[in-house]
PDB file of N, CA and C in Angstrom:
ATOM      1  N   MET A   1       0.846  -1.185   0.000  1.00  0.00           N
ATOM      2  CA  MET A   1       0.000   0.000   0.000  1.00  0.00           C
ATOM      3  C   MET A   1       0.884   1.238   0.000  1.00  0.00           C
ATOM      4  N   SER A   2       0.611   2.157  -0.894  1.00  0.00           N
ATOM      5  CA  SER A   2       1.374   3.394  -0.972  1.00  0.00           C
ATOM      6  C   SER A   2       0.962   4.324   0.167  1.00  0.00           C
ATOM      7  N   THR A   3       1.960   5.016   0.735  1.00  0.00           N
ATOM      8  CA  THR A   3       1.644   5.942   1.820  1.00  0.00           C
ATOM      9  C   THR A   3       1.469   7.365   1.304  1.00  0.00           C
ATOM     10  N   GLU A   4       1.557   7.524  -0.039  1.00  0.00           N
ATOM     11  CA  GLU A   4       1.367   8.848  -0.618  1.00  0.00           C
ATOM     12  C   GLU A   4      -0.060   9.315  -0.358  1.00  0.00           C
ATOM     13  N   GLY A   5      -0.202  10.528   0.123  1.00  0.00           N
ATOM     14  CA  GLY A   5      -1.513  11.076   0.418  1.00  0.00           C
ATOM     15  C   GLY A   5      -2.081  10.634   1.752  1.00  0.00           C
ATOM     16  N   MET A   6      -1.313   9.866   2.506  1.00  0.00           N
ATOM     17  CA  MET A   6      -1.776   9.384   3.803  1.00  0.00           C
ATOM     18  C   MET A   6      -1.320  10.353   4.887  1.00  0.00           C
ATOM     19  N   MET A   7      -1.938  10.247   6.059  1.00  0.00           N
ATOM     20  CA  MET A   7      -1.502  11.043   7.205  1.00  0.00           C
ATOM     21  C   MET A   7      -1.268  10.117   8.377  1.00  0.00           C
ATOM     22  N   GLN A   8      -0.499  10.607   9.337  1.00  0.00           N
ATOM     23  CA  GLN A   8      -0.154   9.793  10.504  1.00  0.00           C
ATOM     24  C   GLN A   8      -0.952  10.205  11.727  1.00  0.00           C
ATOM     25  N   ILE A   9      -1.317   9.191  12.495  1.00  0.00           N
ATOM     26  CA  ILE A   9      -1.875   9.396  13.829  1.00  0.00           C
ATOM     27  C   ILE A   9      -1.159   8.413  14.759  1.00  0.00           C
ATOM     28  N   ILE A  10      -1.369   8.576  16.039  1.00  0.00           N
ATOM     29  CA  ILE A  10      -0.847   7.648  17.034  1.00  0.00           C
ATOM     30  C   ILE A  10      -2.043   6.995  17.718  1.00  0.00           C
ATOM     31  N   CYS A  11      -2.043   5.665  17.749  1.00  0.00           N
ATOM     32  CA  CYS A  11      -3.128   4.935  18.395  1.00  0.00           C
ATOM     33  C   CYS A  11      -2.514   3.972  19.400  1.00  0.00           C
ATOM     34  N   ASN A  12      -2.829   4.194  20.671  1.00  0.00           N
ATOM     35  CA  ASN A  12      -2.256   3.376  21.751  1.00  0.00           C
ATOM     36  C   ASN A  12      -0.742   3.257  21.594  1.00  0.00           C
ATOM     37  N   ASP A  13      -0.108   4.413  21.385  1.00  0.00           N
ATOM     38  CA  ASP A  13       1.352   4.541  21.273  1.00  0.00           C
ATOM     39  C   ASP A  13       1.959   3.891  20.031  1.00  0.00           C
ATOM     40  N   GLU A  14       1.147   3.558  19.020  1.00  0.00           N
ATOM     41  CA  GLU A  14       1.661   3.013  17.762  1.00  0.00           C
ATOM     42  C   GLU A  14       1.310   3.963  16.624  1.00  0.00           C
ATOM     43  N   LYS A  15       2.297   4.232  15.748  1.00  0.00           N
ATOM     44  CA  LYS A  15       2.036   5.066  14.578  1.00  0.00           C
ATOM     45  C   LYS A  15       1.158   4.307  13.602  1.00  0.00           C
ATOM     46  N   LYS A  16       0.164   5.000  13.061  1.00  0.00           N
ATOM     47  CA  LYS A  16      -0.741   4.425  12.067  1.00  0.00           C
ATOM     48  C   LYS A  16      -0.852   5.393  10.899  1.00  0.00           C
ATOM     49  N   GLU A  17      -0.982   4.861   9.694  1.00  0.00           N
ATOM     50  CA  GLU A  17      -1.215   5.642   8.488  1.00  0.00           C
ATOM     51  C   GLU A  17      -2.696   5.531   8.139  1.00  0.00           C
ATOM     52  N   ILE A  18      -3.343   6.674   7.930  1.00  0.00           N
ATOM     53  CA  ILE A  18      -4.757   6.668   7.550  1.00  0.00           C
ATOM     54  C   ILE A  18      -4.969   7.638   6.397  1.00  0.00           C
ATOM     55  N   ARG A  19      -6.084   7.477   5.737  1.00  0.00           N
ATOM     56  CA  ARG A  19      -6.447   8.408   4.666  1.00  0.00           C
ATOM     57  C   ARG A  19      -6.936   9.716   5.294  1.00  0.00           C
ATOM     58  N   PRO A  20      -6.625  10.837   4.651  1.00  0.00           N
ATOM     59  CA  PRO A  20      -7.194  12.104   5.139  1.00  0.00           C
ATOM     60  C   PRO A  20      -8.727  11.994   5.136  1.00  0.00           C
ATOM     61  N   ASP A  21      -9.353  12.679   6.045  1.00  0.00           N
ATOM     62  CA  ASP A  21     -10.814  12.680   6.185  1.00  0.00           C
ATOM     63  C   ASP A  21     -11.379  11.348   6.680  1.00  0.00           C
ATOM     64  N   SER A  22     -10.535  10.485   7.262  1.00  0.00           N
ATOM     65  CA  SER A  22     -11.029   9.230   7.840  1.00  0.00           C
ATOM     66  C   SER A  22     -11.854   9.532   9.082  1.00  0.00           C
ATOM     67  N   THR A  23     -13.003   8.885   9.166  1.00  0.00           N
ATOM     68  CA  THR A  23     -13.824   9.027  10.373  1.00  0.00           C
ATOM     69  C   THR A  23     -13.358   8.008  11.410  1.00  0.00           C
ATOM     70  N   LEU A  24     -13.728   8.263  12.625  1.00  0.00           N
ATOM     71  CA  LEU A  24     -13.374   7.356  13.707  1.00  0.00           C
ATOM     72  C   LEU A  24     -13.990   5.980  13.479  1.00  0.00           C
ATOM     73  N   ILE A  25     -15.237   5.930  13.034  1.00  0.00           N
ATOM     74  CA  ILE A  25     -15.900   4.635  12.814  1.00  0.00           C
ATOM     75  C   ILE A  25     -15.181   3.841  11.731  1.00  0.00           C
ATOM     76  N   ALA A  26     -14.710   4.507  10.679  1.00  0.00           N
ATOM     77  CA  ALA A  26     -13.976   3.831   9.595  1.00  0.00           C
ATOM     78  C   ALA A  26     -12.632   3.306  10.110  1.00  0.00           C
ATOM     79  N   PHE A  27     -11.963   4.081  10.952  1.00  0.00           N
ATOM     80  CA  PHE A  27     -10.683   3.654  11.516  1.00  0.00           C
ATOM     81  C   PHE A  27     -10.876   2.434  12.410  1.00  0.00           C
ATOM     82  N   LEU A  28     -11.899   2.452  13.241  1.00  0.00           N
ATOM     83  CA  LEU A  28     -12.179   1.302  14.103  1.00  0.00           C
ATOM     84  C   LEU A  28     -12.467   0.059  13.263  1.00  0.00           C
ATOM     85  N   ALA A  29     -13.233   0.228  12.177  1.00  0.00           N
ATOM     86  CA  ALA A  29     -13.546  -0.904  11.295  1.00  0.00           C
ATOM     87  C   ALA A  29     -12.268  -1.455  10.669  1.00  0.00           C
ATOM     88  N   GLU A  30     -11.371  -0.561  10.273  1.00  0.00           N
ATOM     89  CA  GLU A  30     -10.094  -0.980   9.690  1.00  0.00           C
ATOM     90  C   GLU A  30      -9.277  -1.818  10.677  1.00  0.00           C
ATOM     91  N   LEU A  31      -9.393  -1.481  11.954  1.00  0.00           N
ATOM     92  CA  LEU A  31      -8.688  -2.223  13.000  1.00  0.00           C
ATOM     93  C   LEU A  31      -9.420  -3.499  13.413  1.00  0.00           C
ATOM     94  N   GLY A  32     -10.677  -3.642  12.961  1.00  0.00           N
ATOM     95  CA  GLY A  32     -11.479  -4.790  13.369  1.00  0.00           C
ATOM     96  C   GLY A  32     -12.033  -4.652  14.777  1.00  0.00           C
ATOM     97  N   VAL A  33     -12.218  -3.401  15.213  1.00  0.00           N
ATOM     98  CA  VAL A  33     -12.708  -3.121  16.566  1.00  0.00           C
ATOM     99  C   VAL A  33     -14.190  -2.757  16.501  1.00  0.00           C
ATOM    100  N   LYS A  34     -15.008  -3.437  17.275  1.00  0.00           N
ATOM    101  CA  LYS A  34     -16.428  -3.111  17.341  1.00  0.00           C
ATOM    102  C   LYS A  34     -16.598  -1.843  18.174  1.00  0.00           C
ATOM    103  N   PRO A  35     -17.286  -0.837  17.632  1.00  0.00           N
ATOM    104  CA  PRO A  35     -17.416   0.450  18.324  1.00  0.00           C
ATOM    105  C   PRO A  35     -18.059   0.370  19.709  1.00  0.00           C
ATOM    106  N   ASP A  36     -18.930  -0.610  19.905  1.00  0.00           N
ATOM    107  CA  ASP A  36     -19.606  -0.713  21.199  1.00  0.00           C
ATOM    108  C   ASP A  36     -18.767  -1.420  22.258  1.00  0.00           C
ATOM    109  N   THR A  37     -17.513  -1.760  21.923  1.00  0.00           N
ATOM    110  CA  THR A  37     -16.642  -2.428  22.893  1.00  0.00           C
ATOM    111  C   THR A  37     -15.503  -1.541  23.384  1.00  0.00           C
ATOM    112  N   VAL A  38     -15.488  -0.279  22.939  1.00  0.00           N
ATOM    113  CA  VAL A  38     -14.386   0.612  23.321  1.00  0.00           C
ATOM    114  C   VAL A  38     -14.883   2.015  23.654  1.00  0.00           C
ATOM    115  N   PHE A  39     -14.114   2.679  24.513  1.00  0.00           N
ATOM    116  CA  PHE A  39     -14.172   4.125  24.654  1.00  0.00           C
ATOM    117  C   PHE A  39     -13.009   4.642  23.837  1.00  0.00           C
ATOM    118  N   VAL A  40     -13.163   5.799  23.202  1.00  0.00           N
ATOM    119  CA  VAL A  40     -12.066   6.380  22.434  1.00  0.00           C
ATOM    120  C   VAL A  40     -11.777   7.773  22.965  1.00  0.00           C
ATOM    121  N   GLU A  41     -10.501   7.999  23.236  1.00  0.00           N
ATOM    122  CA  GLU A  41     -10.023   9.311  23.654  1.00  0.00           C
ATOM    123  C   GLU A  41      -9.146   9.851  22.532  1.00  0.00           C
ATOM    124  N   CYS A  42      -9.400  11.079  22.110  1.00  0.00           N
ATOM    125  CA  CYS A  42      -8.597  11.725  21.072  1.00  0.00           C
ATOM    126  C   CYS A  42      -8.009  13.002  21.650  1.00  0.00           C
ATOM    127  N   ASP A  43      -6.689  13.044  21.697  1.00  0.00           N
ATOM    128  CA  ASP A  43      -5.977  14.203  22.241  1.00  0.00           C
ATOM    129  C   ASP A  43      -6.501  14.611  23.614  1.00  0.00           C
ATOM    130  N   GLY A  44      -6.773  13.601  24.441  1.00  0.00           N
ATOM    131  CA  GLY A  44      -7.173  13.846  25.819  1.00  0.00           C
ATOM    132  C   GLY A  44      -8.657  14.063  26.037  1.00  0.00           C
ATOM    133  N   VAL A  45      -9.466  13.996  24.969  1.00  0.00           N
ATOM    134  CA  VAL A  45     -10.910  14.218  25.081  1.00  0.00           C
ATOM    135  C   VAL A  45     -11.643  12.934  24.694  1.00  0.00           C
ATOM    136  N   ILE A  46     -12.558  12.471  25.555  1.00  0.00           N
ATOM    137  CA  ILE A  46     -13.348  11.282  25.235  1.00  0.00           C
ATOM    138  C   ILE A  46     -14.385  11.654  24.173  1.00  0.00           C
ATOM    139  N   ILE A  47     -14.408  10.846  23.110  1.00  0.00           N
ATOM    140  CA  ILE A  47     -15.356  11.066  22.022  1.00  0.00           C
ATOM    141  C   ILE A  47     -16.631  10.291  22.331  1.00  0.00           C
ATOM    142  N   LYS A  48     -17.765  10.965  22.235  1.00  0.00           N
ATOM    143  CA  LYS A  48     -19.049  10.307  22.494  1.00  0.00           C
ATOM    144  C   LYS A  48     -19.328   9.292  21.398  1.00  0.00           C
ATOM    145  N   ARG A  49     -19.865   8.157  21.790  1.00  0.00           N
ATOM    146  CA  ARG A  49     -20.119   7.076  20.837  1.00  0.00           C
ATOM    147  C   ARG A  49     -21.022   7.533  19.687  1.00  0.00           C
ATOM    148  N   ASP A  50     -21.976   8.415  19.939  1.00  0.00           N
ATOM    149  CA  ASP A  50     -22.861   8.863  18.860  1.00  0.00           C
ATOM    150  C   ASP A  50     -22.160   9.815  17.882  1.00  0.00           C
ATOM    151  N   GLU A  51     -20.898  10.159  18.152  1.00  0.00           N
ATOM    152  CA  GLU A  51     -20.111  11.009  17.246  1.00  0.00           C
ATOM    153  C   GLU A  51     -19.096  10.206  16.429  1.00  0.00           C
ATOM    154  N   TYR A  52     -18.991   8.898  16.662  1.00  0.00           N
ATOM    155  CA  TYR A  52     -17.980   8.076  15.972  1.00  0.00           C
ATOM    156  C   TYR A  52     -18.116   8.150  14.448  1.00  0.00           C
ATOM    157  N   GLU A  53     -19.342   8.182  13.945  1.00  0.00           N
ATOM    158  CA  GLU A  53     -19.553   8.187  12.490  1.00  0.00           C
ATOM    159  C   GLU A  53     -19.193   9.514  11.838  1.00  0.00           C
ATOM    160  N   THR A  54     -19.251  10.602  12.581  1.00  0.00           N
ATOM    161  CA  THR A  54     -18.992  11.921  11.989  1.00  0.00           C
ATOM    162  C   THR A  54     -17.664  12.534  12.423  1.00  0.00           C
ATOM    163  N   PHE A  55     -17.021  11.956  13.436  1.00  0.00           N
ATOM    164  CA  PHE A  55     -15.769  12.512  13.942  1.00  0.00           C
ATOM    165  C   PHE A  55     -14.639  12.194  12.965  1.00  0.00           C
ATOM    166  N   VAL A  56     -14.071  13.243  12.359  1.00  0.00           N
ATOM    167  CA  VAL A  56     -12.962  13.086  11.414  1.00  0.00           C
ATOM    168  C   VAL A  56     -11.651  13.200  12.186  1.00  0.00           C
ATOM    169  N   LEU A  57     -10.790  12.210  12.012  1.00  0.00           N
ATOM    170  CA  LEU A  57      -9.519  12.180  12.729  1.00  0.00           C
ATOM    171  C   LEU A  57      -8.566  13.233  12.168  1.00  0.00           C
ATOM    172  N   PRO A  58      -8.038  14.098  13.030  1.00  0.00           N
ATOM    173  CA  PRO A  58      -7.117  15.124  12.559  1.00  0.00           C
ATOM    174  C   PRO A  58      -5.689  14.583  12.410  1.00  0.00           C
ATOM    175  N   GLU A  59      -4.927  15.192  11.524  1.00  0.00           N
ATOM    176  CA  GLU A  59      -3.509  14.855  11.344  1.00  0.00           C
ATOM    177  C   GLU A  59      -2.809  14.918  12.693  1.00  0.00           C
ATOM    178  N   GLY A  60      -2.024  13.906  13.006  1.00  0.00           N
ATOM    179  CA  GLY A  60      -1.249  13.891  14.239  1.00  0.00           C
ATOM    180  C   GLY A  60      -2.035  13.567  15.497  1.00  0.00           C
ATOM    181  N   ALA A  61      -3.298  13.149  15.343  1.00  0.00           N
ATOM    182  CA  ALA A  61      -4.131  12.842  16.514  1.00  0.00           C
ATOM    183  C   ALA A  61      -3.480  11.752  17.357  1.00  0.00           C
ATOM    184  N   ARG A  62      -3.703  11.844  18.661  1.00  0.00           N
ATOM    185  CA  ARG A  62      -3.262  10.802  19.613  1.00  0.00           C
ATOM    186  C   ARG A  62      -4.512  10.129  20.155  1.00  0.00           C
ATOM    187  N   LEU A  63      -4.720   8.891  19.745  1.00  0.00           N
ATOM    188  CA  LEU A  63      -5.890   8.133  20.185  1.00  0.00           C
ATOM    189  C   LEU A  63      -5.506   7.128  21.254  1.00  0.00           C
ATOM    190  N   GLU A  64      -6.417   6.944  22.171  1.00  0.00           N
ATOM    191  CA  GLU A  64      -6.324   5.853  23.137  1.00  0.00           C
ATOM    192  C   GLU A  64      -7.630   5.079  23.027  1.00  0.00           C
ATOM    193  N   LEU A  65      -7.525   3.789  22.742  1.00  0.00           N
ATOM    194  CA  LEU A  65      -8.689   2.915  22.708  1.00  0.00           C
ATOM    195  C   LEU A  65      -8.728   2.160  24.020  1.00  0.00           C
ATOM    196  N   ILE A  66      -9.803   2.339  24.743  1.00  0.00           N
ATOM    197  CA  ILE A  66      -9.958   1.703  26.040  1.00  0.00           C
ATOM    198  C   ILE A  66     -11.038   0.640  25.890  1.00  0.00           C
ATOM    199  N   ARG A  67     -10.641  -0.623  25.982  1.00  0.00           N
ATOM    200  CA  ARG A  67     -11.562  -1.743  25.758  1.00  0.00           C
ATOM    201  C   ARG A  67     -12.267  -2.149  27.046  1.00  0.00           C
ATOM    202  N   PHE A  68     -13.521  -2.578  26.853  1.00  0.00           N
ATOM    203  CA  PHE A  68     -14.274  -3.152  27.954  1.00  0.00           C
ATOM    204  C   PHE A  68     -13.770  -4.562  28.198  1.00  0.00           C
ATOM    205  N   VAL A  69     -13.687  -4.945  29.437  1.00  0.00           N
ATOM    206  CA  VAL A  69     -13.308  -6.303  29.795  1.00  0.00           C
ATOM    207  C   VAL A  69     -14.408  -6.855  30.680  1.00  0.00           C
ATOM    208  N   GLY A  70     -14.975  -7.950  30.252  1.00  0.00           N
ATOM    209  CA  GLY A  70     -16.047  -8.570  31.034  1.00  0.00           C
ATOM    210  C   GLY A  70     -15.512  -9.699  31.895  1.00  0.00           C
ATOM    211  N   GLY A  71     -16.262 -10.028  32.856  1.00  0.00           N
ATOM    212  CA  GLY A  71     -15.867 -11.136  33.720  1.00  0.00           C
ATOM    213  C   GLY A  71     -16.883 -11.307  34.832  1.00  0.00           C
ATOM    214  N   GLY A  72     -16.636 -12.260  35.630  1.00  0.00           N
ATOM    215  CA  GLY A  72     -17.611 -12.452  36.679  1.00  0.00           C
ATOM    216  C   GLY A  72     -17.205 -13.428  37.700  1.00  0.00           C
TER     217      GLY A  72
END
């Protein structure tokens, strides 16, 4: 995959290449992460789940994906 025209973000301390104008929901799908199983923090701000489809990831964003862990 060519990285021309791509931008970088950091997700859980790992560099990732994404297309400009990528939404959070598209990025999660690319990672194989179900949106209802994570909280997402972008640059220190928790993104509301109802904004995942419209939230466009900015160049250089720092994401933290916080997964739910079940047990009993």
